[in-house]
All heavy atoms as atom14 arrays in JSON, in Angstrom:
{
  "sequence": "IKWSDAPAGTKSFAVTVYDRDAPTGSGWWHWVIFNISADVS",
  "atom14_mask": [
    [1, 1, 1, 1, 1, 1, 1, 1, 0, 0, 0, 0, 0, 0],
    [1, 1, 1, 1, 1, 1, 1, 1, 1, 0, 0, 0, 0, 0],
    [1, 1, 1, 1, 1, 1, 1, 1, 1, 1, 1, 1, 1, 1],
    [1, 1, 1, 1, 1, 1, 0, 0, 0, 0, 0, 0, 0, 0],
    [1, 1, 1, 1, 1, 1, 1, 1, 0, 0, 0, 0, 0, 0],
    [1, 1, 1, 1, 1, 0, 0, 0, 0, 0, 0, 0, 0, 0],
    [1, 1, 1, 1, 1, 1, 1, 0, 0, 0, 0, 0, 0, 0],
    [1, 1, 1, 1, 1, 0, 0, 0, 0, 0, 0, 0, 0, 0],
    [1, 1, 1, 1, 0, 0, 0, 0, 0, 0, 0, 0, 0, 0],
    [1, 1, 1, 1, 1, 1, 1, 0, 0, 0, 0, 0, 0, 0],
    [1, 1, 1, 1, 1, 1, 1, 1, 1, 0, 0, 0, 0, 0],
    [1, 1, 1, 1, 1, 1, 0, 0, 0, 0, 0, 0, 0, 0],
    [1, 1, 1, 1, 1, 1, 1, 1, 1, 1, 1, 0, 0, 0],
    [1, 1, 1, 1, 1, 0, 0, 0, 0, 0, 0, 0, 0, 0],
    [1, 1, 1, 1, 1, 1, 1, 0, 0, 0, 0, 0, 0, 0],
    [1, 1, 1, 1, 1, 1, 1, 0, 0, 0, 0, 0, 0, 0],
    [1, 1, 1, 1, 1, 1, 1, 0, 0, 0, 0, 0, 0, 0],
    [1, 1, 1, 1, 1, 1, 1, 1, 1, 1, 1, 1, 0, 0],
    [1, 1, 1, 1, 1, 1, 1, 1, 0, 0, 0, 0, 0, 0],
    [1, 1, 1, 1, 1, 1, 1, 1, 1, 1, 1, 0, 0, 0],
    [1, 1, 1, 1, 1, 1, 1, 1, 0, 0, 0, 0, 0, 0],
    [1, 1, 1, 1, 1, 0, 0, 0, 0, 0, 0, 0, 0, 0],
    [1, 1, 1, 1, 1, 1, 1, 0, 0, 0, 0, 0, 0, 0],
    [1, 1, 1, 1, 1, 1, 1, 0, 0, 0, 0, 0, 0, 0],
    [1, 1, 1, 1, 0, 0, 0, 0, 0, 0, 0, 0, 0, 0],
    [1, 1, 1, 1, 1, 1, 0, 0, 0, 0, 0, 0, 0, 0],
    [1, 1, 1, 1, 0, 0, 0, 0, 0, 0, 0, 0, 0, 0],
    [1, 1, 1, 1, 1, 1, 1, 1, 1, 1, 1, 1, 1, 1],
    [1, 1, 1, 1, 1, 1, 1, 1, 1, 1, 1, 1, 1, 1],
    [1, 1, 1, 1, 1, 1, 1, 1, 1, 1, 0, 0, 0, 0],
    [1, 1, 1, 1, 1, 1, 1, 1, 1, 1, 1, 1, 1, 1],
    [1, 1, 1, 1, 1, 1, 1, 0, 0, 0, 0, 0, 0, 0],
    [1, 1, 1, 1, 1, 1, 1, 1, 0, 0, 0, 0, 0, 0],
    [1, 1, 1, 1, 1, 1, 1, 1, 1, 1, 1, 0, 0, 0],
    [1, 1, 1, 1, 1, 1, 1, 1, 0, 0, 0, 0, 0, 0],
    [1, 1, 1, 1, 1, 1, 1, 1, 0, 0, 0, 0, 0, 0],
    [1, 1, 1, 1, 1, 1, 0, 0, 0, 0, 0, 0, 0, 0],
    [1, 1, 1, 1, 1, 0, 0, 0, 0, 0, 0, 0, 0, 0],
    [1, 1, 1, 1, 1, 1, 1, 1, 0, 0, 0, 0, 0, 0],
    [1, 1, 1, 1, 1, 1, 1, 0, 0, 0, 0, 0, 0, 0],
    [1, 1, 1, 1, 1, 1, 0, 0, 0, 0, 0, 0, 0, 0]
  ],
  "atom14_positions": [
    [[123.06, 62.27, 133.01], [123.41, 61.59, 131.75], [122.13, 61.16, 131.04], [121.1, 60.93, 131.68], [124.35, 60.38, 131.97], [123.72, 59.34, 132.9], [125.7, 60.83, 132.49], [124.53, 58.06, 133.02], [0.0, 0.0, 0.0], [0.0, 0.0, 0.0], [0.0, 0.0, 0.0], [0.0, 0.0, 0.0], [0.0, 0.0, 0.0], [0.0, 0.0, 0.0]],
    [[122.24, 61.09, 129.71], [121.1, 60.7, 128.88], [121.59, 59.75, 127.81], [122.69, 59.91, 127.3], [120.48, 61.92, 128.21], [119.96, 62.94, 129.19], [119.47, 64.17, 128.45], [119.05, 65.22, 129.47], [118.58, 66.44, 128.83], [0.0, 0.0, 0.0], [0.0, 0.0, 0.0], [0.0, 0.0, 0.0], [0.0, 0.0, 0.0], [0.0, 0.0, 0.0]],
    [[120.77, 58.78, 127.46], [121.11, 57.89, 126.37], [119.93, 57.81, 125.4], [118.8, 58.09, 125.75], [121.54, 56.51, 126.84], [120.6, 55.81, 127.78], [119.54, 55.01, 127.46], [120.67, 55.82, 129.22], [118.94, 54.54, 128.6], [119.61, 55.01, 129.69], [121.5, 56.42, 130.15], [119.37, 54.8, 131.04], [121.27, 56.21, 131.49], [120.21, 55.4, 131.93]],
    [[120.26, 57.44, 124.17], [119.23, 57.36, 123.13], [119.57, 56.26, 122.13], [120.7, 55.81, 122.05], [119.1, 58.7, 122.41], [120.33, 59.06, 121.8], [0.0, 0.0, 0.0], [0.0, 0.0, 0.0], [0.0, 0.0, 0.0], [0.0, 0.0, 0.0], [0.0, 0.0, 0.0], [0.0, 0.0, 0.0], [0.0, 0.0, 0.0], [0.0, 0.0, 0.0]],
    [[118.54, 55.86, 121.39], [118.66, 54.88, 120.32], [119.18, 53.52, 120.81], [120.06, 52.92, 120.18], [119.52, 55.42, 119.17], [118.91, 56.68, 118.57], [117.7, 56.65, 118.29], [119.63, 57.67, 118.41], [0.0, 0.0, 0.0], [0.0, 0.0, 0.0], [0.0, 0.0, 0.0], [0.0, 0.0, 0.0], [0.0, 0.0, 0.0], [0.0, 0.0, 0.0]],
    [[118.6, 53.05, 121.9], [118.95, 51.72, 122.41], [118.56, 50.67, 121.37], [117.58, 50.84, 120.63], [118.26, 51.45, 123.73], [0.0, 0.0, 0.0], [0.0, 0.0, 0.0], [0.0, 0.0, 0.0], [0.0, 0.0, 0.0], [0.0, 0.0, 0.0], [0.0, 0.0, 0.0], [0.0, 0.0, 0.0], [0.0, 0.0, 0.0], [0.0, 0.0, 0.0]],
    [[119.29, 49.58, 121.31], [118.97, 48.54, 120.33], [117.66, 47.82, 120.65], [117.24, 47.76, 121.81], [120.16, 47.58, 120.42], [120.73, 47.8, 121.78], [120.46, 49.25, 122.11], [0.0, 0.0, 0.0], [0.0, 0.0, 0.0], [0.0, 0.0, 0.0], [0.0, 0.0, 0.0], [0.0, 0.0, 0.0], [0.0, 0.0, 0.0], [0.0, 0.0, 0.0]],
    [[117.04, 47.27, 119.61], [115.84, 46.46, 119.79], [116.16, 45.31, 120.73], [117.26, 44.76, 120.71], [115.38, 45.94, 118.44], [0.0, 0.0, 0.0], [0.0, 0.0, 0.0], [0.0, 0.0, 0.0], [0.0, 0.0, 0.0], [0.0, 0.0, 0.0], [0.0, 0.0, 0.0], [0.0, 0.0, 0.0], [0.0, 0.0, 0.0], [0.0, 0.0, 0.0]],
    [[115.2, 44.96, 121.56], [115.38, 43.85, 122.49], [115.96, 44.25, 123.83], [116.14, 43.41, 124.71], [0.0, 0.0, 0.0], [0.0, 0.0, 0.0], [0.0, 0.0, 0.0], [0.0, 0.0, 0.0], [0.0, 0.0, 0.0], [0.0, 0.0, 0.0], [0.0, 0.0, 0.0], [0.0, 0.0, 0.0], [0.0, 0.0, 0.0], [0.0, 0.0, 0.0]],
    [[116.22, 45.55, 124.03], [116.75, 46.01, 125.32], [115.7, 45.8, 126.4], [114.56, 46.26, 126.27], [117.15, 47.5, 125.25], [118.18, 47.65, 124.26], [117.64, 48.0, 126.59], [0.0, 0.0, 0.0], [0.0, 0.0, 0.0], [0.0, 0.0, 0.0], [0.0, 0.0, 0.0], [0.0, 0.0, 0.0], [0.0, 0.0, 0.0], [0.0, 0.0, 0.0]],
    [[116.1, 45.12, 127.48], [115.19, 44.86, 128.6], [115.57, 45.62, 129.84], [114.78, 45.74, 130.77], [115.14, 43.36, 128.89], [114.51, 42.58, 127.75], [114.37, 41.12, 128.08], [113.74, 40.38, 126.91], [113.73, 38.94, 127.16], [0.0, 0.0, 0.0], [0.0, 0.0, 0.0], [0.0, 0.0, 0.0], [0.0, 0.0, 0.0], [0.0, 0.0, 0.0]],
    [[116.81, 46.13, 129.9], [117.23, 46.97, 131.03], [118.54, 47.65, 130.65], [119.14, 47.35, 129.61], [117.42, 46.15, 132.31], [118.55, 45.31, 132.22], [0.0, 0.0, 0.0], [0.0, 0.0, 0.0], [0.0, 0.0, 0.0], [0.0, 0.0, 0.0], [0.0, 0.0, 0.0], [0.0, 0.0, 0.0], [0.0, 0.0, 0.0], [0.0, 0.0, 0.0]],
    [[118.96, 48.56, 131.53], [120.22, 49.27, 131.34], [121.06, 49.17, 132.6], [120.55, 48.93, 133.7], [119.96, 50.76, 131.06], [119.23, 51.03, 129.79], [117.88, 51.3, 129.8], [119.89, 51.01, 128.56], [117.19, 51.55, 128.62], [119.22, 51.26, 127.39], [117.86, 51.53, 127.41], [0.0, 0.0, 0.0], [0.0, 0.0, 0.0], [0.0, 0.0, 0.0]],
    [[122.34, 49.42, 132.43], [123.27, 49.57, 133.55], [124.21, 50.71, 133.19], [124.47, 50.96, 132.01], [124.06, 48.29, 133.79], [0.0, 0.0, 0.0], [0.0, 0.0, 0.0], [0.0, 0.0, 0.0], [0.0, 0.0, 0.0], [0.0, 0.0, 0.0], [0.0, 0.0, 0.0], [0.0, 0.0, 0.0], [0.0, 0.0, 0.0], [0.0, 0.0, 0.0]],
    [[124.7, 51.4, 134.2], [125.65, 52.5, 134.0], [126.85, 52.25, 134.9], [126.7, 51.86, 136.07], [125.0, 53.86, 134.34], [126.02, 54.98, 134.37], [123.88, 54.19, 133.34], [0.0, 0.0, 0.0], [0.0, 0.0, 0.0], [0.0, 0.0, 0.0], [0.0, 0.0, 0.0], [0.0, 0.0, 0.0], [0.0, 0.0, 0.0], [0.0, 0.0, 0.0]],
    [[128.03, 52.47, 134.33], [129.26, 52.39, 135.12], [130.14, 53.6, 134.82], [130.05, 54.19, 133.75], [130.07, 51.11, 134.82], [130.52, 51.13, 133.46], [129.26, 49.85, 135.1], [0.0, 0.0, 0.0], [0.0, 0.0, 0.0], [0.0, 0.0, 0.0], [0.0, 0.0, 0.0], [0.0, 0.0, 0.0], [0.0, 0.0, 0.0], [0.0, 0.0, 0.0]],
    [[130.98, 53.93, 135.79], [132.06, 54.9, 135.58], [133.33, 54.18, 136.03], [133.4, 53.66, 137.15], [131.85, 56.2, 136.37], [133.02, 57.15, 136.15], [130.54, 56.87, 135.96], [0.0, 0.0, 0.0], [0.0, 0.0, 0.0], [0.0, 0.0, 0.0], [0.0, 0.0, 0.0], [0.0, 0.0, 0.0], [0.0, 0.0, 0.0], [0.0, 0.0, 0.0]],
    [[134.31, 54.16, 135.14], [135.51, 53.36, 135.36], [136.76, 54.16, 134.97], [136.76, 54.85, 133.95], [135.41, 52.08, 134.5], [136.57, 51.15, 134.62], [136.76, 50.4, 135.77], [137.47, 51.0, 133.58], [137.83, 49.52, 135.88], [138.54, 50.11, 133.68], [138.71, 49.39, 134.84], [139.76, 48.53, 134.94], [0.0, 0.0, 0.0], [0.0, 0.0, 0.0]],
    [[137.8, 54.04, 135.78], [139.1, 54.67, 135.51], [140.11, 53.57, 135.25], [140.58, 52.93, 136.18], [139.52, 55.52, 136.71], [140.94, 56.07, 136.61], [141.57, 55.95, 135.53], [141.42, 56.61, 137.62], [0.0, 0.0, 0.0], [0.0, 0.0, 0.0], [0.0, 0.0, 0.0], [0.0, 0.0, 0.0], [0.0, 0.0, 0.0], [0.0, 0.0, 0.0]],
    [[140.43, 53.36, 133.98], [141.39, 52.31, 133.63], [142.82, 52.73, 133.92], [143.73, 51.92, 133.89], [141.22, 51.86, 132.18], [141.58, 52.86, 131.14], [141.43, 52.34, 129.7], [140.08, 51.84, 129.42], [139.77, 50.54, 129.36], [140.66, 49.62, 129.52], [138.54, 50.17, 129.11], [0.0, 0.0, 0.0], [0.0, 0.0, 0.0], [0.0, 0.0, 0.0]],
    [[143.05, 54.03, 134.19], [144.39, 54.54, 134.48], [144.77, 54.49, 135.95], [145.9, 54.84, 136.31], [144.52, 55.98, 133.97], [144.35, 56.09, 132.48], [144.91, 55.24, 131.75], [143.65, 57.01, 132.03], [0.0, 0.0, 0.0], [0.0, 0.0, 0.0], [0.0, 0.0, 0.0], [0.0, 0.0, 0.0], [0.0, 0.0, 0.0], [0.0, 0.0, 0.0]],
    [[143.85, 54.07, 136.81], [144.14, 54.0, 138.24], [145.33, 53.07, 138.48], [145.41, 52.0, 137.87], [142.92, 53.52, 139.01], [0.0, 0.0, 0.0], [0.0, 0.0, 0.0], [0.0, 0.0, 0.0], [0.0, 0.0, 0.0], [0.0, 0.0, 0.0], [0.0, 0.0, 0.0], [0.0, 0.0, 0.0], [0.0, 0.0, 0.0], [0.0, 0.0, 0.0]],
    [[146.25, 53.46, 139.36], [147.45, 52.65, 139.59], [147.2, 51.46, 140.53], [147.8, 51.33, 141.59], [148.42, 53.66, 140.2], [147.55, 54.63, 140.92], [146.3, 54.73, 140.09], [0.0, 0.0, 0.0], [0.0, 0.0, 0.0], [0.0, 0.0, 0.0], [0.0, 0.0, 0.0], [0.0, 0.0, 0.0], [0.0, 0.0, 0.0], [0.0, 0.0, 0.0]],
    [[146.25, 50.6, 140.11], [145.89, 49.46, 140.95], [146.2, 48.12, 140.29], [146.13, 47.09, 140.94], [144.37, 49.48, 141.24], [143.68, 49.33, 140.0], [143.94, 50.76, 141.93], [0.0, 0.0, 0.0], [0.0, 0.0, 0.0], [0.0, 0.0, 0.0], [0.0, 0.0, 0.0], [0.0, 0.0, 0.0], [0.0, 0.0, 0.0], [0.0, 0.0, 0.0]],
    [[146.44, 48.14, 138.99], [146.58, 46.9, 138.24], [145.27, 46.41, 137.68], [145.24, 45.55, 136.82], [0.0, 0.0, 0.0], [0.0, 0.0, 0.0], [0.0, 0.0, 0.0], [0.0, 0.0, 0.0], [0.0, 0.0, 0.0], [0.0, 0.0, 0.0], [0.0, 0.0, 0.0], [0.0, 0.0, 0.0], [0.0, 0.0, 0.0], [0.0, 0.0, 0.0]],
    [[144.16, 46.96, 138.2], [142.84, 46.53, 137.72], [141.88, 47.68, 137.5], [140.68, 47.46, 137.38], [142.23, 45.53, 138.71], [142.07, 46.14, 139.98], [0.0, 0.0, 0.0], [0.0, 0.0, 0.0], [0.0, 0.0, 0.0], [0.0, 0.0, 0.0], [0.0, 0.0, 0.0], [0.0, 0.0, 0.0], [0.0, 0.0, 0.0], [0.0, 0.0, 0.0]],
    [[142.38, 48.91, 137.47], [141.49, 50.06, 137.29], [140.72, 50.38, 138.56], [141.05, 49.88, 139.64], [0.0, 0.0, 0.0], [0.0, 0.0, 0.0], [0.0, 0.0, 0.0], [0.0, 0.0, 0.0], [0.0, 0.0, 0.0], [0.0, 0.0, 0.0], [0.0, 0.0, 0.0], [0.0, 0.0, 0.0], [0.0, 0.0, 0.0], [0.0, 0.0, 0.0]],
    [[139.7, 51.26, 138.43], [138.94, 51.71, 139.6], [137.49, 51.93, 139.18], [137.21, 52.69, 138.25], [139.53, 53.01, 140.13], [139.01, 53.44, 141.46], [137.88, 54.18, 141.7], [139.58, 53.17, 142.73], [137.73, 54.39, 143.04], [138.77, 53.77, 143.71], [140.71, 52.47, 143.15], [139.05, 53.71, 145.06], [140.99, 52.4, 144.5], [140.17, 53.02, 145.44]],
    [[136.57, 51.26, 139.89], [135.13, 51.43, 139.66], [134.64, 52.62, 140.48], [134.71, 52.6, 141.7], [134.37, 50.17, 140.05], [134.71, 48.99, 139.2], [135.63, 48.02, 139.47], [134.16, 48.68, 137.92], [135.67, 47.12, 138.44], [134.79, 47.5, 137.47], [133.21, 49.28, 137.11], [134.48, 46.91, 136.25], [132.9, 48.69, 135.9], [133.53, 47.52, 135.49]],
    [[134.14, 53.64, 139.8], [133.65, 54.86, 140.45], [132.13, 54.88, 140.63], [131.63, 55.63, 141.47], [134.07, 56.09, 139.64], [135.51, 56.42, 139.8], [135.98, 57.33, 140.71], [136.61, 55.93, 139.18], [137.28, 57.43, 140.63], [137.7, 56.57, 139.71], [0.0, 0.0, 0.0], [0.0, 0.0, 0.0], [0.0, 0.0, 0.0], [0.0, 0.0, 0.0]],
    [[131.42, 54.12, 139.82], [129.96, 54.08, 139.93], [129.47, 52.85, 139.21], [129.91, 52.55, 138.1], [129.34, 55.32, 139.32], [127.9, 55.6, 139.64], [127.14, 55.06, 140.63], [127.05, 56.52, 138.95], [125.88, 55.59, 140.61], [125.79, 56.5, 139.58], [127.22, 57.36, 137.86], [124.72, 57.28, 139.18], [126.16, 58.14, 137.45], [124.92, 58.11, 138.1]],
    [[128.55, 52.14, 139.87], [127.95, 50.94, 139.28], [126.47, 50.95, 139.65], [126.12, 50.85, 140.83], [128.62, 49.65, 139.82], [128.01, 48.43, 139.17], [130.13, 49.69, 139.61], [0.0, 0.0, 0.0], [0.0, 0.0, 0.0], [0.0, 0.0, 0.0], [0.0, 0.0, 0.0], [0.0, 0.0, 0.0], [0.0, 0.0, 0.0], [0.0, 0.0, 0.0]],
    [[125.62, 51.11, 138.65], [124.18, 51.09, 138.88], [123.54, 50.23, 137.79], [123.84, 50.41, 136.61], [123.57, 52.52, 138.95], [122.06, 52.48, 139.17], [123.98, 53.37, 137.78], [121.43, 53.84, 139.46], [0.0, 0.0, 0.0], [0.0, 0.0, 0.0], [0.0, 0.0, 0.0], [0.0, 0.0, 0.0], [0.0, 0.0, 0.0], [0.0, 0.0, 0.0]],
    [[122.69, 49.3, 138.18], [122.11, 48.35, 137.23], [120.66, 48.08, 137.56], [120.13, 48.63, 138.53], [122.94, 47.06, 137.17], [123.11, 46.37, 138.49], [122.25, 45.36, 138.89], [124.15, 46.71, 139.34], [122.41, 44.72, 140.11], [124.33, 46.08, 140.56], [123.46, 45.08, 140.95], [0.0, 0.0, 0.0], [0.0, 0.0, 0.0], [0.0, 0.0, 0.0]],
    [[120.02, 47.23, 136.75], [118.58, 46.95, 136.84], [117.76, 48.23, 136.64], [116.75, 48.45, 137.3], [118.21, 46.24, 138.15], [118.78, 44.85, 138.22], [119.35, 44.33, 137.27], [118.66, 44.21, 139.37], [0.0, 0.0, 0.0], [0.0, 0.0, 0.0], [0.0, 0.0, 0.0], [0.0, 0.0, 0.0], [0.0, 0.0, 0.0], [0.0, 0.0, 0.0]],
    [[118.22, 49.04, 135.7], [117.5, 50.25, 135.31], [116.49, 49.83, 134.24], [116.87, 49.25, 133.22], [118.47, 51.32, 134.76], [119.52, 51.68, 135.83], [117.7, 52.55, 134.3], [120.68, 52.51, 135.29], [0.0, 0.0, 0.0], [0.0, 0.0, 0.0], [0.0, 0.0, 0.0], [0.0, 0.0, 0.0], [0.0, 0.0, 0.0], [0.0, 0.0, 0.0]],
    [[115.25, 50.13, 134.46], [114.18, 49.72, 133.56], [114.42, 50.19, 132.12], [114.98, 51.27, 131.89], [112.85, 50.31, 134.06], [111.81, 50.07, 133.15], [0.0, 0.0, 0.0], [0.0, 0.0, 0.0], [0.0, 0.0, 0.0], [0.0, 0.0, 0.0], [0.0, 0.0, 0.0], [0.0, 0.0, 0.0], [0.0, 0.0, 0.0], [0.0, 0.0, 0.0]],
    [[113.96, 49.4, 131.17], [114.15, 49.7, 129.75], [113.41, 50.96, 129.32], [113.72, 51.52, 128.27], [113.69, 48.53, 128.9], [0.0, 0.0, 0.0], [0.0, 0.0, 0.0], [0.0, 0.0, 0.0], [0.0, 0.0, 0.0], [0.0, 0.0, 0.0], [0.0, 0.0, 0.0], [0.0, 0.0, 0.0], [0.0, 0.0, 0.0], [0.0, 0.0, 0.0]],
    [[112.46, 51.44, 130.1], [111.75, 52.67, 129.72], [112.44, 53.93, 130.24], [111.96, 55.04, 130.03], [110.28, 52.62, 130.16], [110.1, 52.53, 131.67], [111.1, 52.46, 132.41], [108.94, 52.51, 132.12], [0.0, 0.0, 0.0], [0.0, 0.0, 0.0], [0.0, 0.0, 0.0], [0.0, 0.0, 0.0], [0.0, 0.0, 0.0], [0.0, 0.0, 0.0]],
    [[113.58, 53.79, 130.88], [114.36, 54.92, 131.38], [115.38, 55.31, 130.32], [115.97, 54.44, 129.68], [115.05, 54.56, 132.72], [116.0, 55.65, 133.18], [114.0, 54.28, 133.79], [0.0, 0.0, 0.0], [0.0, 0.0, 0.0], [0.0, 0.0, 0.0], [0.0, 0.0, 0.0], [0.0, 0.0, 0.0], [0.0, 0.0, 0.0], [0.0, 0.0, 0.0]],
    [[115.61, 56.61, 130.15], [116.57, 57.06, 129.13], [117.62, 58.01, 129.69], [118.25, 58.77, 128.95], [115.84, 57.72, 127.96], [115.12, 58.85, 128.43], [0.0, 0.0, 0.0], [0.0, 0.0, 0.0], [0.0, 0.0, 0.0], [0.0, 0.0, 0.0], [0.0, 0.0, 0.0], [0.0, 0.0, 0.0], [0.0, 0.0, 0.0], [0.0, 0.0, 0.0]]
  ]
}
């Protein structure tokens, strides 16, 4: 995955993958990664 044109003041990034249709009542978290440096795209 790639991202571009982050807003001014961005100090880090996080990425998630989420399924809101999962039959759990609260969805399903498939991927959670955070504390990604602001110089990563």
